[in-house]
Amino acid sequence: MEAPPVTMMPVTGGTINMMEYLLQGSVLDQSLESLLHRLRGLCDNMEPETFLDHEMVFLLKGQQASPFVLRARRSMDKTGTPWHLRYLGQPEMGDKNRHALVRNCVDIATSENLTDFLVEMGFRMDHEFVAKGHVFRKGIMKIVVYKIFRILVPGNTDSIEPLSLSYLVELSVVAPAGQDVVSDDMRNFAEQLKPLVHLEKIDPKRLM
């Protein structure tokens, strides 16, 4: 999957604090083609980009109650593309007027020895999976429709099976902190996808 677009704003005196605005939902396998047809009509790219990625989630346990989590992802179908290292902060759920979940987001391209580096730093791999799907774009919004596959034999991405009979749907925007107005645009776009999929502000803590 492509990294989020990097801001073109000038950086002075340090990096820009980037936030990910996110809405999520799911559709059953039999509804996939109807959703893709709707997205082709609404988005800038009528034919979506496709991806097949292998993602590994690494944990570093320290003094804090919850471990530090980093995600390493590589493309399985596009040779020569860099690995990506991603950090996602704790979601900010407090503001009820904000229509999307918001969390700090850092995404960087790395060399192919990323996983070795993380292990040397003291991280351990917690779990891994394969994600296969489609990417649509509407302005600065990105819509990803994908299925997660369980890896049956650790490290063997040829030995996989679907995790469920549905596809995850994510509508996201990566923008500098304070750009909460984008959540209004996201809500308006999400309304156009009903009743095929209901995209919501989901608190990950509710799923634990």
N, C-alpha and C. Protein backbone atom coordinates (compact mmCIF):
# COMPACT_ATOMS: atom_id res chain seq x y z
N MET A 1 0.85 -1.18 0.00
CA MET A 1 0.00 0.00 0.00
C MET A 1 0.89 1.23 0.00
N GLU A 2 0.49 2.24 -0.73
CA GLU A 2 1.30 3.44 -0.79
C GLU A 2 1.31 4.16 0.55
N ALA A 3 2.41 4.86 0.78
CA ALA A 3 2.47 5.69 1.98
C ALA A 3 1.53 6.87 1.81
N PRO A 4 1.08 7.44 2.91
CA PRO A 4 0.25 8.64 2.80
C PRO A 4 1.03 9.75 2.10
N PRO A 5 0.35 10.65 1.40
CA PRO A 5 1.06 11.73 0.72
C PRO A 5 1.75 12.63 1.72
N VAL A 6 3.00 13.06 1.36
CA VAL A 6 3.70 13.95 2.27
C VAL A 6 3.29 15.39 2.01
N THR A 7 3.21 16.16 3.07
CA THR A 7 2.79 17.55 2.92
C THR A 7 3.81 18.34 2.12
N MET A 8 3.33 19.29 1.33
CA MET A 8 4.22 20.14 0.56
C MET A 8 4.49 21.47 1.28
N MET A 9 4.00 21.59 2.52
CA MET A 9 4.24 22.81 3.28
C MET A 9 5.71 22.90 3.67
N PRO A 10 6.28 24.11 3.70
CA PRO A 10 7.69 24.23 4.09
C PRO A 10 7.88 23.86 5.55
N VAL A 11 8.99 23.23 5.84
CA VAL A 11 9.31 22.84 7.21
C VAL A 11 10.35 23.80 7.76
N THR A 12 10.02 24.41 8.88
CA THR A 12 10.97 25.34 9.50
C THR A 12 11.12 24.96 10.96
N GLY A 13 12.35 24.72 11.36
CA GLY A 13 12.62 24.46 12.77
C GLY A 13 12.13 23.11 13.24
N GLY A 14 12.02 22.12 12.35
CA GLY A 14 11.60 20.79 12.77
C GLY A 14 10.59 20.19 11.82
N THR A 15 10.06 19.03 12.17
CA THR A 15 9.11 18.35 11.31
C THR A 15 7.69 18.83 11.59
N ILE A 16 6.81 18.61 10.62
CA ILE A 16 5.41 18.95 10.78
C ILE A 16 4.69 17.79 11.45
N ASN A 17 3.85 18.10 12.42
CA ASN A 17 3.11 17.06 13.13
C ASN A 17 1.93 16.64 12.27
N MET A 18 2.03 15.44 11.66
CA MET A 18 0.99 14.97 10.76
C MET A 18 -0.01 14.10 11.52
N MET A 19 -1.29 14.27 11.18
CA MET A 19 -2.35 13.50 11.82
C MET A 19 -3.11 12.71 10.74
N GLU A 20 -3.58 11.54 11.13
CA GLU A 20 -4.43 10.75 10.25
C GLU A 20 -5.87 10.85 10.73
N TYR A 21 -6.75 11.26 9.84
CA TYR A 21 -8.20 11.31 10.10
C TYR A 21 -8.79 10.06 9.46
N LEU A 22 -9.59 9.29 10.21
CA LEU A 22 -9.96 7.96 9.77
C LEU A 22 -11.41 7.62 10.06
N LEU A 23 -12.09 7.02 9.06
CA LEU A 23 -13.41 6.40 9.22
C LEU A 23 -13.29 4.96 8.71
N GLN A 24 -13.98 4.02 9.37
CA GLN A 24 -13.83 2.61 9.01
C GLN A 24 -15.19 1.91 8.94
N GLY A 25 -15.22 0.86 8.14
CA GLY A 25 -16.41 0.02 8.03
C GLY A 25 -16.03 -1.28 7.34
N SER A 26 -17.02 -2.07 6.97
CA SER A 26 -16.75 -3.33 6.28
C SER A 26 -17.93 -3.70 5.40
N VAL A 27 -17.64 -4.50 4.38
CA VAL A 27 -18.69 -5.02 3.49
C VAL A 27 -18.47 -6.52 3.31
N LEU A 28 -19.55 -7.27 3.17
CA LEU A 28 -19.45 -8.69 2.90
C LEU A 28 -18.92 -8.92 1.48
N ASP A 29 -18.30 -10.08 1.28
CA ASP A 29 -17.71 -10.38 -0.02
C ASP A 29 -18.69 -10.18 -1.17
N GLN A 30 -19.95 -10.56 -0.98
CA GLN A 30 -20.91 -10.48 -2.08
C GLN A 30 -21.30 -9.04 -2.43
N SER A 31 -20.96 -8.09 -1.55
CA SER A 31 -21.28 -6.69 -1.82
C SER A 31 -20.09 -5.91 -2.39
N LEU A 32 -18.94 -6.58 -2.54
CA LEU A 32 -17.73 -5.88 -2.96
C LEU A 32 -17.89 -5.18 -4.30
N GLU A 33 -18.38 -5.89 -5.31
CA GLU A 33 -18.45 -5.31 -6.66
C GLU A 33 -19.38 -4.09 -6.70
N SER A 34 -20.46 -4.13 -5.93
CA SER A 34 -21.37 -2.98 -5.88
C SER A 34 -20.66 -1.76 -5.29
N LEU A 35 -19.87 -1.98 -4.23
CA LEU A 35 -19.13 -0.88 -3.62
C LEU A 35 -18.07 -0.33 -4.57
N LEU A 36 -17.32 -1.21 -5.23
CA LEU A 36 -16.29 -0.75 -6.18
C LEU A 36 -16.92 0.04 -7.32
N HIS A 37 -18.10 -0.39 -7.78
CA HIS A 37 -18.80 0.34 -8.84
C HIS A 37 -19.16 1.74 -8.37
N ARG A 38 -19.66 1.86 -7.13
CA ARG A 38 -20.01 3.18 -6.58
C ARG A 38 -18.76 4.05 -6.46
N LEU A 39 -17.66 3.49 -5.99
CA LEU A 39 -16.43 4.27 -5.82
C LEU A 39 -15.86 4.72 -7.15
N ARG A 40 -15.99 3.90 -8.18
CA ARG A 40 -15.51 4.31 -9.51
C ARG A 40 -16.24 5.56 -9.98
N GLY A 41 -17.52 5.67 -9.63
CA GLY A 41 -18.30 6.83 -10.05
C GLY A 41 -18.02 8.07 -9.22
N LEU A 42 -17.57 7.89 -7.98
CA LEU A 42 -17.37 9.03 -7.07
C LEU A 42 -15.94 9.55 -7.04
N CYS A 43 -14.96 8.69 -7.34
CA CYS A 43 -13.56 9.04 -7.10
C CYS A 43 -12.87 9.58 -8.36
N ASP A 44 -11.66 10.10 -8.13
CA ASP A 44 -10.90 10.69 -9.22
C ASP A 44 -10.37 9.64 -10.18
N ASN A 45 -9.97 8.47 -9.63
CA ASN A 45 -9.45 7.39 -10.50
C ASN A 45 -10.53 6.33 -10.67
N MET A 46 -11.06 6.22 -11.90
CA MET A 46 -12.13 5.26 -12.16
C MET A 46 -11.64 3.83 -11.95
N GLU A 47 -10.40 3.57 -12.34
CA GLU A 47 -9.82 2.25 -12.09
C GLU A 47 -8.88 2.36 -10.91
N PRO A 48 -9.16 1.66 -9.83
CA PRO A 48 -8.36 1.81 -8.62
C PRO A 48 -6.97 1.19 -8.75
N GLU A 49 -6.06 1.70 -7.93
CA GLU A 49 -4.77 1.03 -7.79
C GLU A 49 -5.01 -0.25 -6.98
N THR A 50 -4.21 -1.26 -7.25
CA THR A 50 -4.32 -2.50 -6.48
C THR A 50 -3.03 -2.69 -5.68
N PHE A 51 -3.14 -3.43 -4.59
CA PHE A 51 -1.94 -3.70 -3.79
C PHE A 51 -2.03 -5.09 -3.17
N LEU A 52 -0.88 -5.65 -2.89
CA LEU A 52 -0.74 -6.91 -2.16
C LEU A 52 0.46 -6.73 -1.24
N ASP A 53 0.19 -6.55 0.04
CA ASP A 53 1.23 -6.18 1.01
C ASP A 53 1.36 -7.20 2.13
N HIS A 54 2.57 -7.30 2.63
CA HIS A 54 2.87 -8.12 3.81
C HIS A 54 3.22 -7.15 4.94
N GLU A 55 2.48 -7.23 6.05
CA GLU A 55 2.71 -6.33 7.18
C GLU A 55 3.07 -7.11 8.43
N MET A 56 4.07 -6.60 9.14
CA MET A 56 4.50 -7.19 10.41
C MET A 56 4.40 -6.13 11.50
N VAL A 57 3.83 -6.52 12.63
CA VAL A 57 3.64 -5.60 13.74
C VAL A 57 4.65 -5.96 14.83
N PHE A 58 5.47 -4.96 15.20
CA PHE A 58 6.53 -5.16 16.18
C PHE A 58 6.21 -4.41 17.47
N LEU A 59 6.56 -5.03 18.59
CA LEU A 59 6.34 -4.44 19.91
C LEU A 59 7.66 -4.26 20.63
N LEU A 60 7.74 -3.17 21.42
CA LEU A 60 8.87 -2.94 22.31
C LEU A 60 8.31 -2.66 23.69
N LYS A 61 8.54 -3.59 24.62
CA LYS A 61 8.01 -3.43 25.97
C LYS A 61 9.04 -2.73 26.84
N GLY A 62 8.58 -1.71 27.55
CA GLY A 62 9.46 -0.96 28.44
C GLY A 62 8.80 -0.73 29.78
N GLN A 63 9.10 0.41 30.37
CA GLN A 63 8.55 0.73 31.68
C GLN A 63 7.07 1.09 31.60
N GLN A 64 6.63 1.60 30.45
CA GLN A 64 5.25 2.04 30.31
C GLN A 64 4.29 0.85 30.32
N ALA A 65 3.02 1.12 30.63
CA ALA A 65 2.02 0.05 30.74
C ALA A 65 1.79 -0.65 29.41
N SER A 66 1.66 0.14 28.34
CA SER A 66 1.40 -0.46 27.02
C SER A 66 2.68 -0.42 26.18
N PRO A 67 2.93 -1.47 25.38
CA PRO A 67 4.16 -1.51 24.57
C PRO A 67 4.14 -0.48 23.45
N PHE A 68 5.32 -0.14 22.96
CA PHE A 68 5.49 0.75 21.82
C PHE A 68 5.34 -0.09 20.55
N VAL A 69 4.49 0.34 19.63
CA VAL A 69 4.14 -0.47 18.46
C VAL A 69 4.61 0.22 17.18
N LEU A 70 5.31 -0.53 16.33
CA LEU A 70 5.69 -0.07 15.01
C LEU A 70 5.25 -1.12 13.98
N ARG A 71 4.90 -0.64 12.79
CA ARG A 71 4.42 -1.53 11.72
C ARG A 71 5.39 -1.46 10.53
N ALA A 72 5.83 -2.63 10.09
CA ALA A 72 6.71 -2.72 8.92
C ALA A 72 5.92 -3.36 7.78
N ARG A 73 5.93 -2.72 6.63
CA ARG A 73 5.12 -3.21 5.51
C ARG A 73 5.93 -3.20 4.22
N ARG A 74 5.75 -4.26 3.43
CA ARG A 74 6.42 -4.33 2.12
C ARG A 74 5.42 -4.77 1.07
N SER A 75 5.66 -4.31 -0.15
CA SER A 75 4.82 -4.72 -1.27
C SER A 75 5.27 -6.08 -1.77
N MET A 76 4.32 -6.97 -2.03
CA MET A 76 4.62 -8.30 -2.56
C MET A 76 4.47 -8.36 -4.07
N ASP A 77 3.84 -7.37 -4.68
CA ASP A 77 3.57 -7.43 -6.12
C ASP A 77 4.27 -6.33 -6.91
N LYS A 78 4.99 -5.44 -6.22
CA LYS A 78 5.71 -4.36 -6.93
C LYS A 78 7.17 -4.44 -6.51
N THR A 79 7.99 -5.00 -7.38
CA THR A 79 9.40 -5.17 -7.06
C THR A 79 10.12 -3.83 -7.06
N GLY A 80 11.11 -3.71 -6.20
CA GLY A 80 11.92 -2.50 -6.15
C GLY A 80 11.34 -1.38 -5.31
N THR A 81 10.16 -1.57 -4.75
CA THR A 81 9.58 -0.53 -3.89
C THR A 81 10.15 -0.66 -2.48
N PRO A 82 10.32 0.46 -1.78
CA PRO A 82 10.92 0.39 -0.45
C PRO A 82 9.97 -0.19 0.59
N TRP A 83 10.55 -0.68 1.69
CA TRP A 83 9.77 -1.03 2.85
C TRP A 83 9.21 0.25 3.46
N HIS A 84 8.15 0.13 4.25
CA HIS A 84 7.61 1.30 4.96
C HIS A 84 7.50 0.99 6.44
N LEU A 85 7.94 1.94 7.24
CA LEU A 85 7.82 1.85 8.70
C LEU A 85 6.77 2.86 9.12
N ARG A 86 5.80 2.40 9.92
CA ARG A 86 4.69 3.28 10.30
C ARG A 86 4.45 3.26 11.80
N TYR A 87 4.28 4.46 12.34
CA TYR A 87 3.88 4.61 13.74
C TYR A 87 2.52 5.28 13.78
N LEU A 88 1.59 4.72 14.54
CA LEU A 88 0.26 5.30 14.72
C LEU A 88 0.06 5.60 16.21
N GLY A 89 -0.24 6.84 16.54
CA GLY A 89 -0.41 7.23 17.93
C GLY A 89 -1.77 6.80 18.48
N GLN A 90 -1.98 7.11 19.75
CA GLN A 90 -3.25 6.80 20.38
C GLN A 90 -4.35 7.68 19.78
N PRO A 91 -5.52 7.11 19.48
CA PRO A 91 -6.59 7.91 18.88
C PRO A 91 -7.15 8.96 19.84
N GLU A 92 -7.51 10.10 19.27
CA GLU A 92 -8.14 11.17 20.03
C GLU A 92 -9.64 11.07 19.79
N MET A 93 -10.36 10.57 20.79
CA MET A 93 -11.80 10.33 20.63
C MET A 93 -12.66 11.39 21.31
N GLY A 94 -12.05 12.29 22.07
CA GLY A 94 -12.80 13.16 22.96
C GLY A 94 -13.77 14.14 22.31
N ASP A 95 -13.38 14.74 21.18
CA ASP A 95 -14.17 15.80 20.57
C ASP A 95 -15.35 15.20 19.79
N LYS A 96 -16.55 15.34 20.34
CA LYS A 96 -17.73 14.75 19.69
C LYS A 96 -18.11 15.49 18.41
N ASN A 97 -17.65 16.74 18.25
CA ASN A 97 -17.96 17.50 17.05
C ASN A 97 -17.08 17.09 15.86
N ARG A 98 -16.02 16.37 16.15
CA ARG A 98 -15.13 15.89 15.09
C ARG A 98 -15.70 14.58 14.55
N HIS A 99 -15.84 14.51 13.24
CA HIS A 99 -16.56 13.39 12.63
C HIS A 99 -15.67 12.19 12.32
N ALA A 100 -14.37 12.27 12.58
CA ALA A 100 -13.46 11.17 12.28
C ALA A 100 -12.55 10.92 13.47
N LEU A 101 -12.08 9.68 13.58
CA LEU A 101 -11.04 9.38 14.55
C LEU A 101 -9.76 10.09 14.11
N VAL A 102 -8.99 10.61 15.06
CA VAL A 102 -7.76 11.32 14.73
C VAL A 102 -6.62 10.72 15.54
N ARG A 103 -5.50 10.47 14.87
CA ARG A 103 -4.32 9.96 15.57
C ARG A 103 -3.06 10.45 14.89
N ASN A 104 -2.01 10.59 15.66
CA ASN A 104 -0.71 10.98 15.13
C ASN A 104 -0.21 9.90 14.18
N CYS A 105 0.45 10.30 13.11
CA CYS A 105 0.85 9.35 12.07
C CYS A 105 2.24 9.71 11.55
N VAL A 106 3.14 8.73 11.57
CA VAL A 106 4.48 8.89 10.98
C VAL A 106 4.69 7.72 10.03
N ASP A 107 5.02 7.99 8.77
CA ASP A 107 5.22 6.95 7.77
C ASP A 107 6.46 7.28 6.97
N ILE A 108 7.47 6.39 7.00
CA ILE A 108 8.72 6.65 6.29
C ILE A 108 9.12 5.45 5.45
N ALA A 109 9.74 5.71 4.31
CA ALA A 109 10.30 4.64 3.48
C ALA A 109 11.66 4.24 4.04
N THR A 110 11.96 2.94 3.99
CA THR A 110 13.21 2.45 4.56
C THR A 110 13.87 1.46 3.60
N SER A 111 15.06 1.01 3.99
CA SER A 111 15.76 -0.03 3.24
C SER A 111 15.17 -1.39 3.58
N GLU A 112 15.58 -2.43 2.86
CA GLU A 112 14.96 -3.73 3.01
C GLU A 112 15.39 -4.48 4.27
N ASN A 113 16.40 -3.96 5.00
CA ASN A 113 16.82 -4.63 6.23
C ASN A 113 16.10 -4.05 7.45
N LEU A 114 14.91 -3.50 7.24
CA LEU A 114 14.15 -2.86 8.32
C LEU A 114 13.87 -3.82 9.47
N THR A 115 13.41 -5.04 9.16
CA THR A 115 13.03 -5.95 10.24
C THR A 115 14.24 -6.35 11.07
N ASP A 116 15.40 -6.56 10.43
CA ASP A 116 16.62 -6.88 11.17
C ASP A 116 16.97 -5.74 12.12
N PHE A 117 16.82 -4.51 11.64
CA PHE A 117 17.12 -3.34 12.46
C PHE A 117 16.21 -3.27 13.69
N LEU A 118 14.92 -3.53 13.48
CA LEU A 118 13.98 -3.48 14.60
C LEU A 118 14.30 -4.54 15.65
N VAL A 119 14.66 -5.73 15.20
CA VAL A 119 15.03 -6.79 16.15
C VAL A 119 16.28 -6.39 16.93
N GLU A 120 17.26 -5.80 16.25
CA GLU A 120 18.47 -5.34 16.93
C GLU A 120 18.16 -4.26 17.96
N MET A 121 17.12 -3.48 17.70
CA MET A 121 16.73 -2.42 18.63
C MET A 121 15.96 -2.95 19.84
N GLY A 122 15.64 -4.25 19.82
CA GLY A 122 14.93 -4.84 20.95
C GLY A 122 13.46 -5.10 20.71
N PHE A 123 12.96 -4.82 19.50
CA PHE A 123 11.57 -5.10 19.17
C PHE A 123 11.40 -6.61 18.91
N ARG A 124 10.19 -7.10 19.14
CA ARG A 124 9.87 -8.47 18.75
C ARG A 124 8.60 -8.45 17.91
N MET A 125 8.52 -9.35 16.94
CA MET A 125 7.34 -9.39 16.08
C MET A 125 6.18 -10.01 16.84
N ASP A 126 5.05 -9.30 16.86
CA ASP A 126 3.86 -9.79 17.57
C ASP A 126 2.97 -10.61 16.64
N HIS A 127 2.72 -10.08 15.45
CA HIS A 127 1.92 -10.82 14.47
C HIS A 127 2.17 -10.27 13.08
N GLU A 128 1.74 -11.01 12.08
CA GLU A 128 1.91 -10.60 10.69
C GLU A 128 0.69 -11.03 9.88
N PHE A 129 0.47 -10.35 8.76
CA PHE A 129 -0.66 -10.68 7.91
C PHE A 129 -0.40 -10.18 6.50
N VAL A 130 -1.23 -10.63 5.56
CA VAL A 130 -1.18 -10.16 4.18
C VAL A 130 -2.46 -9.37 3.92
N ALA A 131 -2.32 -8.21 3.27
CA ALA A 131 -3.47 -7.38 2.90
C ALA A 131 -3.52 -7.24 1.38
N LYS A 132 -4.70 -7.48 0.81
CA LYS A 132 -4.87 -7.39 -0.64
C LYS A 132 -6.11 -6.56 -0.94
N GLY A 133 -5.96 -5.55 -1.81
CA GLY A 133 -7.14 -4.74 -2.08
C GLY A 133 -6.95 -3.65 -3.12
N HIS A 134 -7.78 -2.61 -2.98
CA HIS A 134 -7.89 -1.54 -3.97
C HIS A 134 -7.76 -0.19 -3.27
N VAL A 135 -7.18 0.78 -3.98
CA VAL A 135 -7.03 2.14 -3.45
C VAL A 135 -7.68 3.12 -4.41
N PHE A 136 -8.64 3.90 -3.90
CA PHE A 136 -9.28 4.99 -4.66
C PHE A 136 -8.86 6.32 -4.04
N ARG A 137 -8.93 7.38 -4.82
CA ARG A 137 -8.59 8.71 -4.31
C ARG A 137 -9.66 9.72 -4.73
N LYS A 138 -9.96 10.61 -3.80
CA LYS A 138 -10.89 11.71 -4.06
C LYS A 138 -10.29 12.95 -3.42
N GLY A 139 -9.63 13.77 -4.25
CA GLY A 139 -8.91 14.92 -3.68
C GLY A 139 -7.81 14.41 -2.76
N ILE A 140 -7.81 14.92 -1.51
CA ILE A 140 -6.80 14.46 -0.55
C ILE A 140 -7.26 13.23 0.21
N MET A 141 -8.48 12.78 -0.04
CA MET A 141 -8.99 11.59 0.65
C MET A 141 -8.52 10.32 -0.05
N LYS A 142 -8.24 9.30 0.77
CA LYS A 142 -7.86 8.00 0.24
C LYS A 142 -8.86 6.97 0.76
N ILE A 143 -9.39 6.15 -0.14
CA ILE A 143 -10.34 5.11 0.23
C ILE A 143 -9.71 3.77 -0.11
N VAL A 144 -9.55 2.93 0.91
CA VAL A 144 -8.90 1.63 0.74
C VAL A 144 -9.92 0.53 1.05
N VAL A 145 -10.07 -0.40 0.13
CA VAL A 145 -10.96 -1.56 0.31
C VAL A 145 -10.08 -2.79 0.23
N TYR A 146 -9.99 -3.55 1.32
CA TYR A 146 -9.03 -4.65 1.32
C TYR A 146 -9.47 -5.80 2.21
N LYS A 147 -8.90 -6.97 1.90
CA LYS A 147 -9.14 -8.17 2.70
C LYS A 147 -7.84 -8.55 3.41
N ILE A 148 -7.98 -8.98 4.66
CA ILE A 148 -6.83 -9.42 5.45
C ILE A 148 -6.75 -10.95 5.39
N PHE A 149 -5.54 -11.44 5.19
CA PHE A 149 -5.29 -12.88 5.14
C PHE A 149 -4.38 -13.28 6.29
N ARG A 150 -4.75 -14.36 6.96
CA ARG A 150 -3.93 -14.93 8.02
C ARG A 150 -2.79 -15.72 7.40
N ILE A 151 -1.58 -15.59 7.96
CA ILE A 151 -0.43 -16.36 7.50
C ILE A 151 -0.37 -17.64 8.32
N LEU A 152 -0.51 -18.78 7.66
CA LEU A 152 -0.62 -20.07 8.35
C LEU A 152 0.71 -20.58 8.87
N VAL A 153 1.77 -20.34 8.09
CA VAL A 153 3.12 -20.74 8.50
C VAL A 153 3.93 -19.47 8.67
N PRO A 154 4.42 -19.16 9.89
CA PRO A 154 5.14 -17.91 10.13
C PRO A 154 6.22 -17.63 9.09
N GLY A 155 6.15 -16.44 8.50
CA GLY A 155 7.14 -16.04 7.52
C GLY A 155 6.88 -16.50 6.10
N ASN A 156 5.89 -17.38 5.90
CA ASN A 156 5.60 -17.92 4.57
C ASN A 156 4.34 -17.25 4.01
N THR A 157 4.53 -16.23 3.18
CA THR A 157 3.39 -15.46 2.66
C THR A 157 2.66 -16.18 1.53
N ASP A 158 3.14 -17.38 1.15
CA ASP A 158 2.41 -18.19 0.16
C ASP A 158 1.35 -19.05 0.83
N SER A 159 1.46 -19.19 2.16
CA SER A 159 0.53 -20.05 2.91
C SER A 159 -0.42 -19.15 3.71
N ILE A 160 -1.53 -18.78 3.07
CA ILE A 160 -2.44 -17.83 3.70
C ILE A 160 -3.89 -18.28 3.54
N GLU A 161 -4.76 -17.74 4.37
CA GLU A 161 -6.20 -17.96 4.23
C GLU A 161 -6.93 -16.69 4.66
N PRO A 162 -8.11 -16.41 4.08
CA PRO A 162 -8.85 -15.19 4.47
C PRO A 162 -9.22 -15.21 5.95
N LEU A 163 -9.10 -14.05 6.58
CA LEU A 163 -9.42 -13.94 8.00
C LEU A 163 -10.94 -13.90 8.22
N SER A 164 -11.69 -13.42 7.21
CA SER A 164 -13.14 -13.31 7.35
C SER A 164 -13.79 -13.34 5.98
N LEU A 165 -15.13 -13.27 5.97
CA LEU A 165 -15.89 -13.24 4.71
C LEU A 165 -16.28 -11.81 4.35
N SER A 166 -15.43 -10.85 4.73
CA SER A 166 -15.74 -9.44 4.45
C SER A 166 -14.47 -8.68 4.09
N TYR A 167 -14.69 -7.49 3.57
CA TYR A 167 -13.59 -6.58 3.24
C TYR A 167 -13.65 -5.38 4.17
N LEU A 168 -12.49 -4.94 4.63
CA LEU A 168 -12.41 -3.70 5.41
C LEU A 168 -12.44 -2.52 4.45
N VAL A 169 -13.07 -1.43 4.89
CA VAL A 169 -13.14 -0.20 4.11
C VAL A 169 -12.65 0.93 4.99
N GLU A 170 -11.65 1.67 4.54
CA GLU A 170 -11.09 2.77 5.32
C GLU A 170 -11.05 4.03 4.47
N LEU A 171 -11.57 5.11 5.02
CA LEU A 171 -11.52 6.43 4.40
C LEU A 171 -10.59 7.27 5.27
N SER A 172 -9.51 7.79 4.69
CA SER A 172 -8.52 8.49 5.51
C SER A 172 -7.98 9.73 4.81
N VAL A 173 -7.49 10.64 5.63
CA VAL A 173 -6.79 11.84 5.17
C VAL A 173 -5.61 12.04 6.10
N VAL A 174 -4.43 12.29 5.54
CA VAL A 174 -3.26 12.64 6.35
C VAL A 174 -3.00 14.12 6.14
N ALA A 175 -3.02 14.89 7.23
CA ALA A 175 -2.91 16.34 7.14
C ALA A 175 -2.20 16.87 8.39
N PRO A 176 -1.69 18.11 8.33
CA PRO A 176 -1.08 18.69 9.53
C PRO A 176 -2.10 18.81 10.65
N ALA A 177 -1.62 18.81 11.88
CA ALA A 177 -2.49 18.92 13.05
C ALA A 177 -3.33 20.20 12.97
N GLY A 178 -4.58 20.09 13.41
CA GLY A 178 -5.46 21.25 13.45
C GLY A 178 -6.35 21.41 12.23
N GLN A 179 -6.22 20.51 11.25
CA GLN A 179 -7.04 20.62 10.03
C GLN A 179 -8.34 19.82 10.19
N ASP A 180 -9.06 20.07 11.29
CA ASP A 180 -10.24 19.24 11.58
C ASP A 180 -11.37 19.40 10.57
N VAL A 181 -11.31 20.44 9.75
CA VAL A 181 -12.37 20.65 8.76
C VAL A 181 -12.43 19.49 7.76
N VAL A 182 -11.31 18.76 7.61
CA VAL A 182 -11.32 17.65 6.64
C VAL A 182 -12.30 16.56 7.08
N SER A 183 -12.56 16.47 8.38
CA SER A 183 -13.49 15.43 8.84
C SER A 183 -14.91 15.70 8.35
N ASP A 184 -15.25 16.98 8.10
CA ASP A 184 -16.56 17.30 7.53
C ASP A 184 -16.67 16.77 6.10
N ASP A 185 -15.60 16.95 5.32
CA ASP A 185 -15.59 16.44 3.94
C ASP A 185 -15.67 14.91 3.93
N MET A 186 -14.99 14.29 4.90
CA MET A 186 -15.02 12.83 4.99
C MET A 186 -16.42 12.33 5.31
N ARG A 187 -17.09 13.01 6.23
CA ARG A 187 -18.45 12.59 6.59
C ARG A 187 -19.38 12.72 5.39
N ASN A 188 -19.25 13.82 4.63
CA ASN A 188 -20.10 14.02 3.46
C ASN A 188 -19.86 12.93 2.40
N PHE A 189 -18.60 12.55 2.23
CA PHE A 189 -18.29 11.49 1.26
C PHE A 189 -18.83 10.16 1.74
N ALA A 190 -18.68 9.88 3.04
CA ALA A 190 -19.16 8.62 3.61
C ALA A 190 -20.67 8.47 3.43
N GLU A 191 -21.40 9.59 3.51
CA GLU A 191 -22.86 9.55 3.33
C GLU A 191 -23.23 9.03 1.95
N GLN A 192 -22.37 9.32 0.95
CA GLN A 192 -22.66 8.90 -0.42
C GLN A 192 -22.44 7.40 -0.64
N LEU A 193 -21.80 6.75 0.33
CA LEU A 193 -21.55 5.30 0.21
C LEU A 193 -22.62 4.47 0.90
N LYS A 194 -23.53 5.12 1.62
CA LYS A 194 -24.62 4.38 2.25
C LYS A 194 -25.68 4.03 1.21
N PRO A 195 -26.38 2.90 1.32
CA PRO A 195 -26.30 1.91 2.41
C PRO A 195 -25.30 0.79 2.15
N LEU A 196 -24.44 0.94 1.10
CA LEU A 196 -23.50 -0.14 0.79
C LEU A 196 -22.53 -0.39 1.93
N VAL A 197 -22.05 0.69 2.54
CA VAL A 197 -21.14 0.57 3.68
C VAL A 197 -21.37 1.76 4.61
N HIS A 198 -21.34 1.51 5.90
CA HIS A 198 -21.48 2.56 6.90
C HIS A 198 -20.11 2.80 7.53
N LEU A 199 -19.51 3.94 7.18
CA LEU A 199 -18.19 4.28 7.71
C LEU A 199 -18.36 5.07 9.00
N GLU A 200 -17.65 4.64 10.05
CA GLU A 200 -17.84 5.22 11.37
C GLU A 200 -16.52 5.58 12.02
N LYS A 201 -16.61 6.40 13.06
CA LYS A 201 -15.47 6.73 13.91
C LYS A 201 -15.39 5.63 14.97
N ILE A 202 -14.50 4.68 14.76
CA ILE A 202 -14.44 3.49 15.62
C ILE A 202 -13.28 3.62 16.60
N ASP A 203 -13.58 3.46 17.87
CA ASP A 203 -12.56 3.48 18.91
C ASP A 203 -11.93 2.09 19.00
N PRO A 204 -10.63 1.96 18.68
CA PRO A 204 -9.99 0.62 18.74
C PRO A 204 -10.11 -0.04 20.11
N LYS A 205 -10.20 0.77 21.17
CA LYS A 205 -10.28 0.19 22.51
C LYS A 205 -11.57 -0.60 22.70
N ARG A 206 -12.63 -0.24 21.94
CA ARG A 206 -13.88 -0.98 22.05
C ARG A 206 -13.79 -2.38 21.48
N LEU A 207 -12.77 -2.60 20.63
CA LEU A 207 -12.64 -3.88 19.95
C LEU A 207 -11.81 -4.86 20.76
N MET A 208 -11.19 -4.41 21.84
CA MET A 208 -10.32 -5.27 22.63
C MET A 208 -11.12 -6.07 23.66
